[in-house]
Amino acid sequence: MNIGRGQVIDEAALIGHLRSGHIGFACLDVTAVEPLHPKARSGFAERADQPAFASTVTTENTKITEIFCHNLGCFLDGRINDMKNIFDKRLMY
């Protein structure tokens, strides 16, 4: 999962691993080139399920930071079941 800048991912390697099945899925908030058009000749476009939308909620960064810090504390303490907003691979959300 990448929620940082698109340039931190080796996109060619990621696409290769997705195509080979070595990686089952990728969740990207950003790509090196945006916007990623659904019909673009990109390995991501052929697999893209949903477009990205930037939020305009002014309190979003604070809320995200609070959840991240909570989850980091849980992870470091071994309290995985107490983490919030965990992605469910079975439900895909």
PDB file of N, CA and C in Angstrom:
ATOM      1  N   MET A   1       0.854  -1.163   0.000  1.00  0.00           N
ATOM      2  CA  MET A   1       0.000   0.000   0.000  1.00  0.00           C
ATOM      3  C   MET A   1       0.895   1.219   0.000  1.00  0.00           C
ATOM      4  N   ASN A   2       0.641   2.124  -0.895  1.00  0.00           N
ATOM      5  CA  ASN A   2       1.419   3.355  -0.982  1.00  0.00           C
ATOM      6  C   ASN A   2       0.488   4.543  -0.855  1.00  0.00           C
ATOM      7  N   ILE A   3       0.672   5.322   0.201  1.00  0.00           N
ATOM      8  CA  ILE A   3      -0.091   6.554   0.357  1.00  0.00           C
ATOM      9  C   ILE A   3       0.838   7.756   0.275  1.00  0.00           C
ATOM     10  N   GLY A   4       2.074   7.503  -0.130  1.00  0.00           N
ATOM     11  CA  GLY A   4       3.062   8.560  -0.266  1.00  0.00           C
ATOM     12  C   GLY A   4       3.099   9.069  -1.693  1.00  0.00           C
ATOM     13  N   ARG A   5       4.232   9.509  -2.114  1.00  0.00           N
ATOM     14  CA  ARG A   5       4.401   9.993  -3.478  1.00  0.00           C
ATOM     15  C   ARG A   5       4.587   8.815  -4.407  1.00  0.00           C
ATOM     16  N   GLY A   6       4.095   8.951  -5.622  1.00  0.00           N
ATOM     17  CA  GLY A   6       4.164   7.866  -6.586  1.00  0.00           C
ATOM     18  C   GLY A   6       5.569   7.455  -6.949  1.00  0.00           C
ATOM     19  N   GLN A   7       6.511   8.386  -6.867  1.00  0.00           N
ATOM     20  CA  GLN A   7       7.876   8.111  -7.275  1.00  0.00           C
ATOM     21  C   GLN A   7       8.606   7.155  -6.333  1.00  0.00           C
ATOM     22  N   VAL A   8       8.068   6.858  -5.154  1.00  0.00           N
ATOM     23  CA  VAL A   8       8.775   5.975  -4.228  1.00  0.00           C
ATOM     24  C   VAL A   8       8.569   4.504  -4.575  1.00  0.00           C
ATOM     25  N   ILE A   9       7.709   4.208  -5.523  1.00  0.00           N
ATOM     26  CA  ILE A   9       7.424   2.841  -5.942  1.00  0.00           C
ATOM     27  C   ILE A   9       8.125   2.560  -7.262  1.00  0.00           C
ATOM     28  N   ASP A  10       8.750   1.413  -7.377  1.00  0.00           N
ATOM     29  CA  ASP A  10       9.287   0.965  -8.657  1.00  0.00           C
ATOM     30  C   ASP A  10       8.098   0.375  -9.414  1.00  0.00           C
ATOM     31  N   GLU A  11       7.421   1.216 -10.189  1.00  0.00           N
ATOM     32  CA  GLU A  11       6.168   0.817 -10.821  1.00  0.00           C
ATOM     33  C   GLU A  11       6.343  -0.346 -11.787  1.00  0.00           C
ATOM     34  N   ALA A  12       7.424  -0.368 -12.551  1.00  0.00           N
ATOM     35  CA  ALA A  12       7.641  -1.466 -13.501  1.00  0.00           C
ATOM     36  C   ALA A  12       7.767  -2.797 -12.752  1.00  0.00           C
ATOM     37  N   ALA A  13       8.512  -2.800 -11.653  1.00  0.00           N
ATOM     38  CA  ALA A  13       8.672  -4.023 -10.862  1.00  0.00           C
ATOM     39  C   ALA A  13       7.341  -4.436 -10.240  1.00  0.00           C
ATOM     40  N   LEU A  14       6.594  -3.471  -9.729  1.00  0.00           N
ATOM     41  CA  LEU A  14       5.298  -3.773  -9.119  1.00  0.00           C
ATOM     42  C   LEU A  14       4.347  -4.373 -10.148  1.00  0.00           C
ATOM     43  N   ILE A  15       4.291  -3.783 -11.323  1.00  0.00           N
ATOM     44  CA  ILE A  15       3.413  -4.302 -12.382  1.00  0.00           C
ATOM     45  C   ILE A  15       3.822  -5.725 -12.753  1.00  0.00           C
ATOM     46  N   GLY A  16       5.132  -5.974 -12.866  1.00  0.00           N
ATOM     47  CA  GLY A  16       5.606  -7.319 -13.180  1.00  0.00           C
ATOM     48  C   GLY A  16       5.177  -8.331 -12.132  1.00  0.00           C
ATOM     49  N   HIS A  17       5.280  -7.961 -10.866  1.00  0.00           N
ATOM     50  CA  HIS A  17       4.888  -8.869  -9.788  1.00  0.00           C
ATOM     51  C   HIS A  17       3.369  -9.061  -9.730  1.00  0.00           C
ATOM     52  N   LEU A  18       2.609  -8.031 -10.056  1.00  0.00           N
ATOM     53  CA  LEU A  18       1.152  -8.178 -10.119  1.00  0.00           C
ATOM     54  C   LEU A  18       0.759  -9.139 -11.242  1.00  0.00           C
ATOM     55  N   ARG A  19       1.376  -8.964 -12.398  1.00  0.00           N
ATOM     56  CA  ARG A  19       1.059  -9.821 -13.546  1.00  0.00           C
ATOM     57  C   ARG A  19       1.450 -11.273 -13.295  1.00  0.00           C
ATOM     58  N   SER A  20       2.554 -11.485 -12.594  1.00  0.00           N
ATOM     59  CA  SER A  20       3.021 -12.852 -12.338  1.00  0.00           C
ATOM     60  C   SER A  20       2.256 -13.523 -11.199  1.00  0.00           C
ATOM     61  N   GLY A  21       1.518 -12.729 -10.427  1.00  0.00           N
ATOM     62  CA  GLY A  21       0.796 -13.267  -9.293  1.00  0.00           C
ATOM     63  C   GLY A  21       1.618 -13.303  -8.017  1.00  0.00           C
ATOM     64  N   HIS A  22       2.883 -12.847  -8.083  1.00  0.00           N
ATOM     65  CA  HIS A  22       3.740 -12.812  -6.893  1.00  0.00           C
ATOM     66  C   HIS A  22       3.143 -11.864  -5.845  1.00  0.00           C
ATOM     67  N   ILE A  23       2.543 -10.782  -6.317  1.00  0.00           N
ATOM     68  CA  ILE A  23       1.806  -9.855  -5.461  1.00  0.00           C
ATOM     69  C   ILE A  23       0.350  -9.947  -5.883  1.00  0.00           C
ATOM     70  N   GLY A  24      -0.544 -10.142  -4.914  1.00  0.00           N
ATOM     71  CA  GLY A  24      -1.963 -10.352  -5.218  1.00  0.00           C
ATOM     72  C   GLY A  24      -2.707  -9.089  -5.584  1.00  0.00           C
ATOM     73  N   PHE A  25      -2.370  -7.975  -4.951  1.00  0.00           N
ATOM     74  CA  PHE A  25      -3.031  -6.712  -5.268  1.00  0.00           C
ATOM     75  C   PHE A  25      -2.179  -5.570  -4.742  1.00  0.00           C
ATOM     76  N   ALA A  26      -2.455  -4.383  -5.244  1.00  0.00           N
ATOM     77  CA  ALA A  26      -1.768  -3.188  -4.773  1.00  0.00           C
ATOM     78  C   ALA A  26      -2.811  -2.111  -4.550  1.00  0.00           C
ATOM     79  N   CYS A  27      -2.612  -1.347  -3.528  1.00  0.00           N
ATOM     80  CA  CYS A  27      -3.499  -0.238  -3.214  1.00  0.00           C
ATOM     81  C   CYS A  27      -2.657   1.024  -3.290  1.00  0.00           C
ATOM     82  N   LEU A  28      -2.874   1.813  -4.322  1.00  0.00           N
ATOM     83  CA  LEU A  28      -2.063   3.003  -4.543  1.00  0.00           C
ATOM     84  C   LEU A  28      -2.931   4.253  -4.500  1.00  0.00           C
ATOM     85  N   ASP A  29      -2.516   5.203  -3.710  1.00  0.00           N
ATOM     86  CA  ASP A  29      -3.213   6.479  -3.663  1.00  0.00           C
ATOM     87  C   ASP A  29      -2.667   7.404  -4.745  1.00  0.00           C
ATOM     88  N   VAL A  30      -1.429   7.173  -5.124  1.00  0.00           N
ATOM     89  CA  VAL A  30      -0.786   8.014  -6.126  1.00  0.00           C
ATOM     90  C   VAL A  30       0.046   7.150  -7.066  1.00  0.00           C
ATOM     91  N   THR A  31       0.314   7.674  -8.234  1.00  0.00           N
ATOM     92  CA  THR A  31       1.216   7.037  -9.185  1.00  0.00           C
ATOM     93  C   THR A  31       2.226   8.085  -9.631  1.00  0.00           C
ATOM     94  N   ALA A  32       3.286   7.663 -10.270  1.00  0.00           N
ATOM     95  CA  ALA A  32       4.333   8.601 -10.694  1.00  0.00           C
ATOM     96  C   ALA A  32       3.780   9.636 -11.663  1.00  0.00           C
ATOM     97  N   VAL A  33       2.867   9.233 -12.547  1.00  0.00           N
ATOM     98  CA  VAL A  33       2.226  10.146 -13.490  1.00  0.00           C
ATOM     99  C   VAL A  33       0.742  10.148 -13.193  1.00  0.00           C
ATOM    100  N   GLU A  34       0.192  11.321 -12.961  1.00  0.00           N
ATOM    101  CA  GLU A  34      -1.238  11.447 -12.692  1.00  0.00           C
ATOM    102  C   GLU A  34      -1.815  12.560 -13.545  1.00  0.00           C
ATOM    103  N   PRO A  35      -3.094  12.509 -13.854  1.00  0.00           N
ATOM    104  CA  PRO A  35      -3.995  11.431 -13.455  1.00  0.00           C
ATOM    105  C   PRO A  35      -3.778  10.181 -14.295  1.00  0.00           C
ATOM    106  N   LEU A  36      -4.046   9.046 -13.708  1.00  0.00           N
ATOM    107  CA  LEU A  36      -3.918   7.768 -14.397  1.00  0.00           C
ATOM    108  C   LEU A  36      -5.216   7.514 -15.139  1.00  0.00           C
ATOM    109  N   HIS A  37      -5.186   7.661 -16.431  1.00  0.00           N
ATOM    110  CA  HIS A  37      -6.381   7.472 -17.250  1.00  0.00           C
ATOM    111  C   HIS A  37      -6.677   5.983 -17.388  1.00  0.00           C
ATOM    112  N   PRO A  38      -7.956   5.576 -17.222  1.00  0.00           N
ATOM    113  CA  PRO A  38      -8.305   4.151 -17.292  1.00  0.00           C
ATOM    114  C   PRO A  38      -7.857   3.454 -18.577  1.00  0.00           C
ATOM    115  N   LYS A  39      -7.763   4.186 -19.666  1.00  0.00           N
ATOM    116  CA  LYS A  39      -7.376   3.565 -20.941  1.00  0.00           C
ATOM    117  C   LYS A  39      -5.899   3.772 -21.261  1.00  0.00           C
ATOM    118  N   ALA A  40      -5.158   4.311 -20.284  1.00  0.00           N
ATOM    119  CA  ALA A  40      -3.732   4.548 -20.515  1.00  0.00           C
ATOM    120  C   ALA A  40      -3.006   3.228 -20.696  1.00  0.00           C
ATOM    121  N   ARG A  41      -1.887   3.248 -21.405  1.00  0.00           N
ATOM    122  CA  ARG A  41      -1.098   2.028 -21.607  1.00  0.00           C
ATOM    123  C   ARG A  41      -0.187   1.814 -20.410  1.00  0.00           C
ATOM    124  N   SER A  42      -0.816   1.512 -19.330  1.00  0.00           N
ATOM    125  CA  SER A  42      -0.093   1.307 -18.080  1.00  0.00           C
ATOM    126  C   SER A  42      -0.532  -0.015 -17.483  1.00  0.00           C
ATOM    127  N   GLY A  43       0.384  -0.694 -16.847  1.00  0.00           N
ATOM    128  CA  GLY A  43       0.026  -1.936 -16.170  1.00  0.00           C
ATOM    129  C   GLY A  43      -0.971  -1.722 -15.060  1.00  0.00           C
ATOM    130  N   PHE A  44      -1.039  -0.499 -14.545  1.00  0.00           N
ATOM    131  CA  PHE A  44      -2.015  -0.215 -13.515  1.00  0.00           C
ATOM    132  C   PHE A  44      -3.399  -0.040 -14.123  1.00  0.00           C
ATOM    133  N   ALA A  45      -3.462   0.607 -15.268  1.00  0.00           N
ATOM    134  CA  ALA A  45      -4.765   0.890 -15.872  1.00  0.00           C
ATOM    135  C   ALA A  45      -5.532  -0.385 -16.172  1.00  0.00           C
ATOM    136  N   GLU A  46      -4.829  -1.437 -16.597  1.00  0.00           N
ATOM    137  CA  GLU A  46      -5.519  -2.681 -16.923  1.00  0.00           C
ATOM    138  C   GLU A  46      -6.073  -3.359 -15.680  1.00  0.00           C
ATOM    139  N   ARG A  47      -5.606  -2.955 -14.516  1.00  0.00           N
ATOM    140  CA  ARG A  47      -6.034  -3.579 -13.269  1.00  0.00           C
ATOM    141  C   ARG A  47      -6.789  -2.607 -12.371  1.00  0.00           C
ATOM    142  N   ALA A  48      -6.885  -1.344 -12.772  1.00  0.00           N
ATOM    143  CA  ALA A  48      -7.493  -0.337 -11.903  1.00  0.00           C
ATOM    144  C   ALA A  48      -8.980  -0.602 -11.712  1.00  0.00           C
ATOM    145  N   ASP A  49      -9.386  -0.667 -10.455  1.00  0.00           N
ATOM    146  CA  ASP A  49     -10.789  -0.888 -10.133  1.00  0.00           C
ATOM    147  C   ASP A  49     -11.536   0.410  -9.888  1.00  0.00           C
ATOM    148  N   GLN A  50     -10.864   1.386  -9.314  1.00  0.00           N
ATOM    149  CA  GLN A  50     -11.538   2.620  -8.957  1.00  0.00           C
ATOM    150  C   GLN A  50     -10.612   3.801  -9.188  1.00  0.00           C
ATOM    151  N   PRO A  51     -11.182   4.922  -9.606  1.00  0.00           N
ATOM    152  CA  PRO A  51     -10.363   6.130  -9.729  1.00  0.00           C
ATOM    153  C   PRO A  51     -10.080   6.707  -8.346  1.00  0.00           C
ATOM    154  N   ALA A  52      -9.107   7.568  -8.273  1.00  0.00           N
ATOM    155  CA  ALA A  52      -8.766   8.209  -7.003  1.00  0.00           C
ATOM    156  C   ALA A  52      -9.429   9.576  -6.919  1.00  0.00           C
ATOM    157  N   PHE A  53      -9.842   9.925  -5.735  1.00  0.00           N
ATOM    158  CA  PHE A  53     -10.428  11.238  -5.485  1.00  0.00           C
ATOM    159  C   PHE A  53      -9.781  11.828  -4.245  1.00  0.00           C
ATOM    160  N   ALA A  54      -9.260  13.027  -4.385  1.00  0.00           N
ATOM    161  CA  ALA A  54      -8.644  13.691  -3.242  1.00  0.00           C
ATOM    162  C   ALA A  54      -9.736  14.266  -2.349  1.00  0.00           C
ATOM    163  N   SER A  55      -9.557  14.132  -1.066  1.00  0.00           N
ATOM    164  CA  SER A  55     -10.535  14.643  -0.116  1.00  0.00           C
ATOM    165  C   SER A  55     -10.321  16.129   0.108  1.00  0.00           C
ATOM    166  N   THR A  56     -11.396  16.813   0.397  1.00  0.00           N
ATOM    167  CA  THR A  56     -11.305  18.233   0.719  1.00  0.00           C
ATOM    168  C   THR A  56     -11.717  18.500   2.164  1.00  0.00           C
ATOM    169  N   VAL A  57     -11.843  17.460   2.964  1.00  0.00           N
ATOM    170  CA  VAL A  57     -12.223  17.617   4.363  1.00  0.00           C
ATOM    171  C   VAL A  57     -11.041  18.210   5.120  1.00  0.00           C
ATOM    172  N   THR A  58     -11.246  19.333   5.775  1.00  0.00           N
ATOM    173  CA  THR A  58     -10.134  20.028   6.425  1.00  0.00           C
ATOM    174  C   THR A  58      -9.574  19.282   7.628  1.00  0.00           C
ATOM    175  N   THR A  59     -10.343  18.406   8.233  1.00  0.00           N
ATOM    176  CA  THR A  59      -9.870  17.675   9.415  1.00  0.00           C
ATOM    177  C   THR A  59      -9.308  16.299   9.071  1.00  0.00           C
ATOM    178  N   GLU A  60      -9.241  15.967   7.792  1.00  0.00           N
ATOM    179  CA  GLU A  60      -8.836  14.625   7.386  1.00  0.00           C
ATOM    180  C   GLU A  60      -7.428  14.270   7.843  1.00  0.00           C
ATOM    181  N   ASN A  61      -6.458  15.145   7.639  1.00  0.00           N
ATOM    182  CA  ASN A  61      -5.073  14.820   8.011  1.00  0.00           C
ATOM    183  C   ASN A  61      -4.939  14.548   9.505  1.00  0.00           C
ATOM    184  N   THR A  62      -5.650  15.306  10.325  1.00  0.00           N
ATOM    185  CA  THR A  62      -5.609  15.080  11.772  1.00  0.00           C
ATOM    186  C   THR A  62      -6.186  13.715  12.111  1.00  0.00           C
ATOM    187  N   LYS A  63      -7.311  13.379  11.510  1.00  0.00           N
ATOM    188  CA  LYS A  63      -7.948  12.087  11.773  1.00  0.00           C
ATOM    189  C   LYS A  63      -7.064  10.927  11.310  1.00  0.00           C
ATOM    190  N   ILE A  64      -6.475  11.063  10.134  1.00  0.00           N
ATOM    191  CA  ILE A  64      -5.594  10.013   9.607  1.00  0.00           C
ATOM    192  C   ILE A  64      -4.389   9.836  10.522  1.00  0.00           C
ATOM    193  N   THR A  65      -3.820  10.935  10.980  1.00  0.00           N
ATOM    194  CA  THR A  65      -2.664  10.870  11.869  1.00  0.00           C
ATOM    195  C   THR A  65      -3.027  10.196  13.190  1.00  0.00           C
ATOM    196  N   GLU A  66      -4.199  10.514  13.728  1.00  0.00           N
ATOM    197  CA  GLU A  66      -4.639   9.894  14.987  1.00  0.00           C
ATOM    198  C   GLU A  66      -4.803   8.379  14.813  1.00  0.00           C
ATOM    199  N   ILE A  67      -5.420   7.966  13.716  1.00  0.00           N
ATOM    200  CA  ILE A  67      -5.604   6.527  13.466  1.00  0.00           C
ATOM    201  C   ILE A  67      -4.253   5.845  13.281  1.00  0.00           C
ATOM    202  N   PHE A  68      -3.364   6.473  12.514  1.00  0.00           N
ATOM    203  CA  PHE A  68      -2.043   5.894  12.289  1.00  0.00           C
ATOM    204  C   PHE A  68      -1.299   5.720  13.613  1.00  0.00           C
ATOM    205  N   CYS A  69      -1.290   6.753  14.444  1.00  0.00           N
ATOM    206  CA  CYS A  69      -0.569   6.678  15.718  1.00  0.00           C
ATOM    207  C   CYS A  69      -1.185   5.619  16.625  1.00  0.00           C
ATOM    208  N   HIS A  70      -2.512   5.537  16.648  1.00  0.00           N
ATOM    209  CA  HIS A  70      -3.182   4.504  17.429  1.00  0.00           C
ATOM    210  C   HIS A  70      -2.753   3.114  16.938  1.00  0.00           C
ATOM    211  N   ASN A  71      -2.826   2.902  15.619  1.00  0.00           N
ATOM    212  CA  ASN A  71      -2.478   1.598  15.052  1.00  0.00           C
ATOM    213  C   ASN A  71      -1.008   1.261  15.242  1.00  0.00           C
ATOM    214  N   LEU A  72      -0.152   2.240  15.135  1.00  0.00           N
ATOM    215  CA  LEU A  72       1.274   1.999  15.354  1.00  0.00           C
ATOM    216  C   LEU A  72       1.511   1.540  16.794  1.00  0.00           C
ATOM    217  N   GLY A  73       0.865   2.213  17.749  1.00  0.00           N
ATOM    218  CA  GLY A  73       0.995   1.806  19.146  1.00  0.00           C
ATOM    219  C   GLY A  73       0.492   0.390  19.363  1.00  0.00           C
ATOM    220  N   CYS A  74      -0.647   0.063  18.765  1.00  0.00           N
ATOM    221  CA  CYS A  74      -1.190  -1.296  18.875  1.00  0.00           C
ATOM    222  C   CYS A  74      -0.226  -2.310  18.281  1.00  0.00           C
ATOM    223  N   PHE A  75       0.306  -1.999  17.100  1.00  0.00           N
ATOM    224  CA  PHE A  75       1.229  -2.908  16.428  1.00  0.00           C
ATOM    225  C   PHE A  75       2.471  -3.151  17.284  1.00  0.00           C
ATOM    226  N   LEU A  76       3.054  -2.072  17.784  1.00  0.00           N
ATOM    227  CA  LEU A  76       4.282  -2.197  18.578  1.00  0.00           C
ATOM    228  C   LEU A  76       4.042  -2.942  19.883  1.00  0.00           C
ATOM    229  N   ASP A  77       2.815  -2.826  20.417  1.00  0.00           N
ATOM    230  CA  ASP A  77       2.471  -3.521  21.664  1.00  0.00           C
ATOM    231  C   ASP A  77       1.950  -4.934  21.425  1.00  0.00           C
ATOM    232  N   GLY A  78       1.840  -5.344  20.162  1.00  0.00           N
ATOM    233  CA  GLY A  78       1.324  -6.674  19.853  1.00  0.00           C
ATOM    234  C   GLY A  78      -0.185  -6.793  19.990  1.00  0.00           C
ATOM    235  N   ARG A  79      -0.887  -5.652  19.977  1.00  0.00           N
ATOM    236  CA  ARG A  79      -2.349  -5.656  20.111  1.00  0.00           C
ATOM    237  C   ARG A  79      -2.996  -5.457  18.737  1.00  0.00           C
ATOM    238  N   ILE A  80      -2.716  -6.356  17.820  1.00  0.00           N
ATOM    239  CA  ILE A  80      -3.179  -6.239  16.439  1.00  0.00           C
ATOM    240  C   ILE A  80      -4.708  -6.145  16.359  1.00  0.00           C
ATOM    241  N   ASN A  81      -5.413  -6.866  17.195  1.00  0.00           N
ATOM    242  CA  ASN A  81      -6.878  -6.866  17.153  1.00  0.00           C
ATOM    243  C   ASN A  81      -7.495  -5.550  17.596  1.00  0.00           C
ATOM    244  N   ASP A  82      -6.715  -4.668  18.219  1.00  0.00           N
ATOM    245  CA  ASP A  82      -7.223  -3.371  18.655  1.00  0.00           C
ATOM    246  C   ASP A  82      -7.026  -2.281  17.599  1.00  0.00           C
ATOM    247  N   MET A  83      -6.411  -2.640  16.469  1.00  0.00           N
ATOM    248  CA  MET A  83      -6.165  -1.654  15.418  1.00  0.00           C
ATOM    249  C   MET A  83      -7.478  -1.246  14.753  1.00  0.00           C
ATOM    250  N   LYS A  84      -7.513  -0.017  14.223  1.00  0.00           N
ATOM    251  CA  LYS A  84      -8.716   0.541  13.597  1.00  0.00           C
ATOM    252  C   LYS A  84      -8.555   0.620  12.082  1.00  0.00           C
ATOM    253  N   ASN A  85      -9.677   0.543  11.381  1.00  0.00           N
ATOM    254  CA  ASN A  85      -9.734   0.758   9.927  1.00  0.00           C
ATOM    255  C   ASN A  85      -8.768  -0.144   9.162  1.00  0.00           C
ATOM    256  N   ILE A  86      -8.792  -1.421   9.474  1.00  0.00           N
ATOM    257  CA  ILE A  86      -7.902  -2.371   8.826  1.00  0.00           C
ATOM    258  C   ILE A  86      -8.544  -2.885   7.547  1.00  0.00           C
ATOM    259  N   PHE A  87      -7.784  -2.929   6.478  1.00  0.00           N
ATOM    260  CA  PHE A  87      -8.262  -3.409   5.191  1.00  0.00           C
ATOM    261  C   PHE A  87      -8.527  -4.900   5.275  1.00  0.00           C
ATOM    262  N   ASP A  88      -9.724  -5.308   4.890  1.00  0.00           N
ATOM    263  CA  ASP A  88     -10.109  -6.719   4.891  1.00  0.00           C
ATOM    264  C   ASP A  88      -9.951  -7.266   3.474  1.00  0.00           C
ATOM    265  N   LYS A  89      -8.936  -8.106   3.248  1.00  0.00           N
ATOM    266  CA  LYS A  89      -8.674  -8.629   1.896  1.00  0.00           C
ATOM    267  C   LYS A  89      -9.827  -9.469   1.377  1.00  0.00           C
ATOM    268  N   ARG A  90     -10.551 -10.115   2.277  1.00  0.00           N
ATOM    269  CA  ARG A  90     -11.687 -10.937   1.846  1.00  0.00           C
ATOM    270  C   ARG A  90     -12.833 -10.065   1.338  1.00  0.00           C
ATOM    271  N   LEU A  91     -13.109  -8.960   2.042  1.00  0.00           N
ATOM    272  CA  LEU A  91     -14.204  -8.067   1.662  1.00  0.00           C
ATOM    273  C   LEU A  91     -13.765  -6.996   0.666  1.00  0.00           C
ATOM    274  N   MET A  92     -12.436  -6.785   0.578  1.00  0.00           N
ATOM    275  CA  MET A  92     -11.844  -5.780  -0.317  1.00  0.00           C
ATOM    276  C   MET A  92     -12.222  -4.342   0.059  1.00  0.00           C
ATOM    277  N   TYR A  93     -12.370  -4.113   1.370  1.00  0.00           N
ATOM    278  CA  TYR A  93     -12.522  -2.732   1.840  1.00  0.00           C
ATOM    279  C   TYR A  93     -12.078  -2.637   3.279  1.00  0.00           C
TER     280      TYR A  93
END
